[in-house]
């Protein structure tokens, strides 16, 4: 659990460090249909965790990217990286002729269902708008959606959001109860395209409305009635996801356990950070090869 970039406070959007790219968590993910062009329609409660990657930037004549951190290996530093694509998108949209020396500290695992690349892009857009002194791109800008379906919601971080459609319909939510999260990844990568291809049903009911009572217990009760419609397909590809969920569910203090996104990261919802640290330690001791991290739920 070392090497993580963590924020244990619960900041609002205005106080979020511009270069901090928090892990994006899908606490629910309902697949409600599929468009004619192949894009799936989703309905999801998206929250952000107080751990993530970090982007720094210094003024320069051209755009460059370097990558460091525990998950730096294999991360490209060319225009296939969403960080540079986001930077060029902002340059074009705002007519910027300046460059930047960007550095990505990669603390989140790859292909993990926690929006690492998308959150990096969102943080880059915030950071460079400050550096270049231009208006930031908003979540509803078509150029932001063109970067990827998860990028618009990541631009809004760390506010919890209801994300629908292909990621282009966002709705703000009431403040959720304070809670701790335990992120568990059994060190397997699950390609999102493979998970969607393995779906057997693509038209499902949407997410239920949040309860009026947003106490922790009421929120847990609501969450236990929701779904991640990608979970069965993901477990079929990587059975270790089922093992991680089972481990969380039998660990004392875990109120609910869900898979985030298309996997393979699983999330344990707990009442506070003390419990999150205790659960993370228990899971890590039992599964030394897994990536395990406690973090606060941001909001």
Protein backbone atom coordinates (compact mmCIF):
# COMPACT_ATOMS: atom_id res chain seq x y z
CA UNK A 1 0.00 0.00 0.00
CA UNK A 2 3.01 2.29 -0.22
CA UNK A 3 3.60 4.92 -2.88
CA UNK A 4 -0.02 6.06 -3.12
CA UNK A 5 -0.94 9.68 -3.58
CA UNK A 6 -3.67 10.14 -0.99
CA UNK A 7 -5.97 12.92 0.13
CA UNK A 8 -7.65 12.16 3.43
CA UNK A 9 -9.70 15.32 3.57
CA UNK A 10 -12.98 15.74 1.75
CA UNK A 11 -12.48 18.83 -0.44
CA UNK A 12 -15.03 20.43 -2.71
CA UNK A 13 -14.27 21.01 -6.38
CA UNK A 14 -12.81 24.46 -5.74
CA UNK A 15 -10.19 23.12 -3.31
CA UNK A 16 -9.11 20.10 -5.36
CA UNK A 17 -5.49 20.44 -6.38
CA UNK A 18 -5.51 21.13 -10.10
CA UNK A 19 -3.03 18.39 -10.88
CA UNK A 20 -4.56 15.70 -8.65
CA UNK A 21 -6.31 12.99 -10.69
CA UNK A 22 -8.47 11.02 -8.25
CA UNK A 23 -9.56 7.46 -8.89
CA UNK A 24 -13.03 7.40 -10.48
CA UNK A 25 -15.34 4.87 -8.86
CA UNK A 26 -18.54 3.52 -10.40
CA UNK A 27 -20.53 2.52 -7.32
CA UNK A 28 -23.30 1.45 -9.71
CA UNK A 29 -23.21 0.76 -13.43
CA UNK A 30 -26.48 -0.12 -15.17
CA UNK A 31 -26.35 -0.88 -18.91
CA UNK A 32 -29.65 0.45 -20.25
CA UNK A 33 -29.26 -0.01 -24.01
CA UNK A 34 -27.05 0.22 -27.06
CA UNK A 35 -27.09 2.81 -29.84
CA UNK A 36 -27.00 1.99 -33.51
CA UNK A 37 -23.38 3.10 -33.69
CA UNK A 38 -22.42 0.48 -31.09
CA UNK A 39 -22.01 2.77 -28.08
CA UNK A 40 -23.63 1.44 -24.91
CA UNK A 41 -25.99 3.53 -22.82
CA UNK A 42 -25.20 3.61 -19.12
CA UNK A 43 -26.66 4.88 -15.87
CA UNK A 44 -24.05 5.14 -13.13
CA UNK A 45 -23.34 6.70 -9.75
CA UNK A 46 -19.78 8.01 -10.06
CA UNK A 47 -17.76 9.07 -7.03
CA UNK A 48 -14.08 9.86 -6.54
CA UNK A 49 -11.58 8.45 -4.06
CA UNK A 50 -8.94 10.40 -2.16
CA UNK A 51 -6.07 8.70 -3.94
CA UNK A 52 -4.89 8.98 -7.50
CA UNK A 53 -2.28 10.07 -10.00
CA UNK A 54 -0.60 13.48 -10.03
CA UNK A 55 0.12 15.79 -12.96
CA UNK A 56 2.63 18.64 -12.73
CA UNK A 57 3.40 21.18 -15.43
CA UNK A 58 6.10 23.74 -16.11
CA UNK A 59 6.13 26.40 -18.82
CA UNK A 60 7.91 25.28 -22.00
CA UNK A 61 8.02 25.99 -25.71
CA UNK A 62 6.59 22.61 -26.70
CA UNK A 63 4.42 19.91 -25.17
CA UNK A 64 6.32 17.00 -23.61
CA UNK A 65 5.38 14.24 -21.18
CA UNK A 66 7.41 12.15 -18.76
CA UNK A 67 6.02 9.41 -16.54
CA UNK A 68 7.17 8.14 -13.16
CA UNK A 69 5.62 6.32 -10.22
CA UNK A 70 4.84 2.72 -9.25
CA UNK A 71 2.72 2.08 -12.37
CA UNK A 72 4.84 4.03 -14.87
CA UNK A 73 5.97 0.97 -16.79
CA UNK A 74 4.22 0.64 -20.12
CA UNK A 75 2.63 4.10 -20.04
CA UNK A 76 3.19 5.82 -23.41
CA UNK A 77 4.63 9.31 -23.59
CA UNK A 78 3.41 10.10 -27.12
CA UNK A 79 0.05 11.36 -28.36
CA UNK A 80 -1.62 8.04 -27.57
CA UNK A 81 -1.54 9.16 -23.92
CA UNK A 82 -4.71 10.99 -22.87
CA UNK A 83 -2.63 13.57 -20.99
CA UNK A 84 -1.07 14.87 -24.20
CA UNK A 85 -4.33 14.50 -26.12
CA UNK A 86 -6.10 16.60 -23.49
CA UNK A 87 -3.36 19.22 -23.62
CA UNK A 88 -3.60 19.49 -27.41
CA UNK A 89 -7.40 19.66 -27.18
CA UNK A 90 -7.15 22.66 -24.84
CA UNK A 91 -4.51 24.28 -27.07
CA UNK A 92 -6.78 24.01 -30.10
CA UNK A 93 -9.96 25.05 -28.31
CA UNK A 94 -8.41 28.17 -26.77
CA UNK A 95 -5.92 29.10 -29.49
CA UNK A 96 -2.91 28.57 -27.22
CA UNK A 97 0.56 28.68 -28.74
CA UNK A 98 2.39 27.88 -25.50
CA UNK A 99 3.73 24.49 -24.49
CA UNK A 100 4.30 22.69 -21.19
CA UNK A 101 6.62 20.10 -19.70
CA UNK A 102 4.14 17.67 -18.19
CA UNK A 103 5.03 15.01 -15.65
CA UNK A 104 2.64 12.20 -14.70
CA UNK A 105 3.19 10.33 -11.45
CA UNK A 106 1.27 7.11 -12.06
CA UNK A 107 -0.03 5.67 -8.79
CA UNK A 108 -3.14 3.88 -10.10
CA UNK A 109 -2.97 0.50 -11.89
CA UNK A 110 -3.78 0.20 -15.59
CA UNK A 111 -7.00 -1.18 -17.12
CA UNK A 112 -8.45 -1.24 -13.62
CA UNK A 113 -11.94 0.23 -14.03
CA UNK A 114 -11.12 3.34 -12.01
CA UNK A 115 -10.68 5.82 -14.83
CA UNK A 116 -6.97 6.42 -14.47
CA UNK A 117 -6.39 7.79 -17.97
CA UNK A 118 -9.65 9.74 -18.02
CA UNK A 119 -8.96 11.30 -14.64
CA UNK A 120 -5.44 12.18 -15.81
CA UNK A 121 -7.01 13.97 -18.79
CA UNK A 122 -9.44 15.86 -16.55
CA UNK A 123 -6.63 16.95 -14.24
CA UNK A 124 -4.52 18.03 -17.22
CA UNK A 125 -7.32 20.24 -18.54
CA UNK A 126 -7.68 21.91 -15.12
CA UNK A 127 -3.94 22.32 -14.62
CA UNK A 128 -3.12 23.73 -18.03
CA UNK A 129 -6.06 26.16 -17.99
CA UNK A 130 -4.38 27.65 -14.91
CA UNK A 131 -0.88 27.56 -16.39
CA UNK A 132 -1.93 29.11 -19.70
CA UNK A 133 -4.43 31.50 -18.09
CA UNK A 134 -7.35 30.46 -20.30
CA UNK A 135 -10.92 29.47 -19.55
CA UNK A 136 -11.16 25.77 -18.69
CA UNK A 137 -13.15 23.41 -20.88
CA UNK A 138 -16.45 22.42 -19.32
CA UNK A 139 -17.79 18.89 -19.05
CA UNK A 140 -20.44 19.54 -21.71
CA UNK A 141 -17.93 20.69 -24.33
CA UNK A 142 -17.99 18.23 -27.28
CA UNK A 143 -14.20 18.34 -27.38
CA UNK A 144 -14.09 16.88 -23.88
CA UNK A 145 -16.43 14.00 -24.75
CA UNK A 146 -14.32 13.33 -27.84
CA UNK A 147 -11.43 12.45 -25.50
CA UNK A 148 -13.45 9.56 -24.04
CA UNK A 149 -16.78 8.79 -22.39
CA UNK A 150 -15.35 9.03 -18.86
CA UNK A 151 -13.53 12.33 -19.37
CA UNK A 152 -16.55 14.66 -18.89
CA UNK A 153 -17.36 13.27 -15.45
CA UNK A 154 -13.67 13.42 -14.51
CA UNK A 155 -13.62 17.13 -15.40
CA UNK A 156 -16.21 17.61 -12.62
CA UNK A 157 -14.14 15.77 -9.96
CA UNK A 158 -14.46 15.36 -7.05
CA UNK A 159 -18.25 15.90 -6.98
CA UNK A 160 -20.39 12.74 -7.01
CA UNK A 161 -22.36 12.64 -10.26
CA UNK A 162 -25.02 10.61 -11.97
CA UNK A 163 -23.61 9.75 -15.38
CA UNK A 164 -25.92 8.56 -18.12
CA UNK A 165 -26.05 8.09 -21.87
CA UNK A 166 -22.58 7.57 -23.31
CA UNK A 167 -21.08 9.72 -20.56
CA UNK A 168 -22.59 12.90 -21.99
CA UNK A 169 -25.47 13.31 -19.53
CA UNK A 170 -24.31 14.40 -16.08
CA UNK A 171 -26.46 15.35 -13.10
CA UNK A 172 -25.24 16.67 -9.77
CA UNK A 173 -26.26 14.78 -6.65
CA UNK A 174 -26.84 15.67 -3.01
CA UNK A 175 -23.86 15.39 -0.70
CA UNK A 176 -23.31 11.73 0.05
CA UNK A 177 -22.58 10.53 3.60
CA UNK A 178 -18.93 10.50 4.59
CA UNK A 179 -17.48 7.03 4.12
CA UNK A 180 -14.24 5.18 3.65
CA UNK A 181 -13.35 3.12 0.60
CA UNK A 182 -11.09 0.12 0.20
CA UNK A 183 -9.86 -0.41 -3.35
CA UNK A 184 -8.79 -3.96 -4.19
CA UNK A 185 -7.32 -5.02 -7.51
CA UNK A 186 -6.23 -8.65 -7.89
CA UNK A 187 -3.52 -7.56 -10.36
CA UNK A 188 -5.37 -8.58 -13.50
CA UNK A 189 -6.15 -6.31 -16.45
CA UNK A 190 -9.60 -6.57 -17.98
CA UNK A 191 -9.99 -4.89 -21.42
CA UNK A 192 -13.21 -2.90 -21.42
CA UNK A 193 -14.05 -3.89 -25.00
CA UNK A 194 -13.87 -7.58 -24.08
CA UNK A 195 -16.25 -7.10 -21.16
CA UNK A 196 -18.86 -5.29 -23.26
CA UNK A 197 -18.52 -7.94 -25.98
CA UNK A 198 -19.27 -10.66 -23.41
CA UNK A 199 -22.52 -9.03 -22.25
CA UNK A 200 -25.56 -11.25 -22.74
CA UNK A 201 -28.14 -8.53 -21.99
CA UNK A 202 -27.85 -4.88 -22.99
CA UNK A 203 -31.24 -3.46 -22.06
CA UNK A 204 -31.69 -3.28 -18.30
CA UNK A 205 -33.51 -1.09 -15.81
CA UNK A 206 -31.84 2.20 -14.84
CA UNK A 207 -30.50 3.05 -11.41
CA UNK A 208 -33.05 3.71 -8.66
CA UNK A 209 -33.32 7.29 -7.37
CA UNK A 210 -31.21 8.01 -4.32
CA UNK A 211 -33.14 7.84 -1.04
CA UNK A 212 -34.28 11.07 0.59
CA UNK A 213 -32.52 9.92 3.75
CA UNK A 214 -28.84 10.03 2.88
CA UNK A 215 -27.53 8.69 6.16
CA UNK A 216 -24.77 6.12 5.83
CA UNK A 217 -27.07 3.19 6.64
CA UNK A 218 -29.76 4.34 4.20
CA UNK A 219 -27.16 4.84 1.48
CA UNK A 220 -25.77 1.34 2.05
CA UNK A 221 -29.27 -0.13 1.89
CA UNK A 222 -29.87 1.64 -1.42
CA UNK A 223 -26.51 0.60 -2.85
CA UNK A 224 -27.14 -3.07 -2.09
CA UNK A 225 -30.22 -2.90 -4.34
CA UNK A 226 -28.28 -1.55 -7.35
CA UNK A 227 -26.11 -3.37 -9.89
CA UNK A 228 -23.01 -3.37 -12.03
CA UNK A 229 -24.28 -5.03 -15.19
CA UNK A 230 -20.71 -5.63 -16.38
CA UNK A 231 -19.76 -7.68 -13.33
CA UNK A 232 -20.81 -11.15 -14.53
CA UNK A 233 -19.06 -10.69 -17.86
CA UNK A 234 -15.91 -9.38 -16.17
CA UNK A 235 -15.78 -12.30 -13.74
CA UNK A 236 -16.12 -14.66 -16.69
CA UNK A 237 -12.95 -13.14 -18.15
CA UNK A 238 -11.09 -12.77 -14.84
CA UNK A 239 -12.43 -15.02 -12.05
CA UNK A 240 -10.09 -13.26 -9.62
CA UNK A 241 -12.64 -10.42 -9.53
CA UNK A 242 -15.12 -12.77 -7.89
CA UNK A 243 -12.46 -13.75 -5.37
CA UNK A 244 -11.80 -10.10 -4.52
CA UNK A 245 -15.51 -9.38 -4.04
CA UNK A 246 -15.91 -12.45 -1.84
CA UNK A 247 -12.89 -11.43 0.24
CA UNK A 248 -14.30 -7.96 0.83
CA UNK A 249 -17.77 -9.23 1.70
CA UNK A 250 -16.51 -11.57 4.39
CA UNK A 251 -14.19 -8.97 5.95
CA UNK A 252 -15.54 -7.36 9.11
CA UNK A 253 -16.48 -3.73 8.66
CA UNK A 254 -17.35 -3.86 4.94
CA UNK A 255 -20.94 -2.70 4.41
CA UNK A 256 -21.07 -3.29 0.65
CA UNK A 257 -18.69 -4.56 -2.02
CA UNK A 258 -18.98 -3.67 -5.71
CA UNK A 259 -16.90 -3.88 -8.86
CA UNK A 260 -16.01 -0.50 -10.36
CA UNK A 261 -16.47 0.09 -14.07
CA UNK A 262 -15.50 -2.87 -16.21
CA UNK A 263 -13.13 -4.19 -13.53
CA UNK A 264 -10.91 -5.45 -12.18
CA UNK A 265 -10.86 -3.10 -9.17
CA UNK A 266 -13.40 -3.91 -6.47
CA UNK A 267 -14.55 -1.43 -3.85
CA UNK A 268 -15.45 -2.03 -0.23
CA UNK A 269 -17.63 0.68 1.32
CA UNK A 270 -16.96 1.21 5.03
CA UNK A 271 -18.13 3.66 7.67
CA UNK A 272 -14.90 5.60 8.28
CA UNK A 273 -11.21 5.76 7.49
CA UNK A 274 -10.17 3.85 10.59
CA UNK A 275 -12.23 0.92 9.37
CA UNK A 276 -10.90 1.37 5.82
CA UNK A 277 -7.30 1.04 7.02
CA UNK A 278 -8.12 -2.03 9.11
CA UNK A 279 -9.94 -3.73 6.23
CA UNK A 280 -7.14 -2.87 3.78
CA UNK A 281 -4.54 -4.36 6.11
CA UNK A 282 -6.58 -7.55 6.55
CA UNK A 283 -7.07 -8.00 2.80
CA UNK A 284 -3.42 -7.25 2.01
CA UNK A 285 -2.14 -9.74 4.56
CA UNK A 286 -4.37 -12.44 3.11
CA UNK A 287 -3.49 -11.60 -0.52
CA UNK A 288 0.02 -10.19 -0.68
CA UNK A 289 0.01 -10.06 -4.48
CA UNK A 290 -3.05 -7.82 -4.74
CA UNK A 291 -3.09 -4.02 -4.98
CA UNK A 292 -4.99 -2.73 -1.95
CA UNK A 293 -5.55 0.89 -0.91
CA UNK A 294 -7.77 2.65 1.65
CA UNK A 295 -9.09 6.11 0.76
CA UNK A 296 -11.83 8.55 1.76
CA UNK A 297 -14.87 9.09 -0.42
CA UNK A 298 -14.50 12.60 -1.80
CA UNK A 299 -17.43 14.94 -2.31
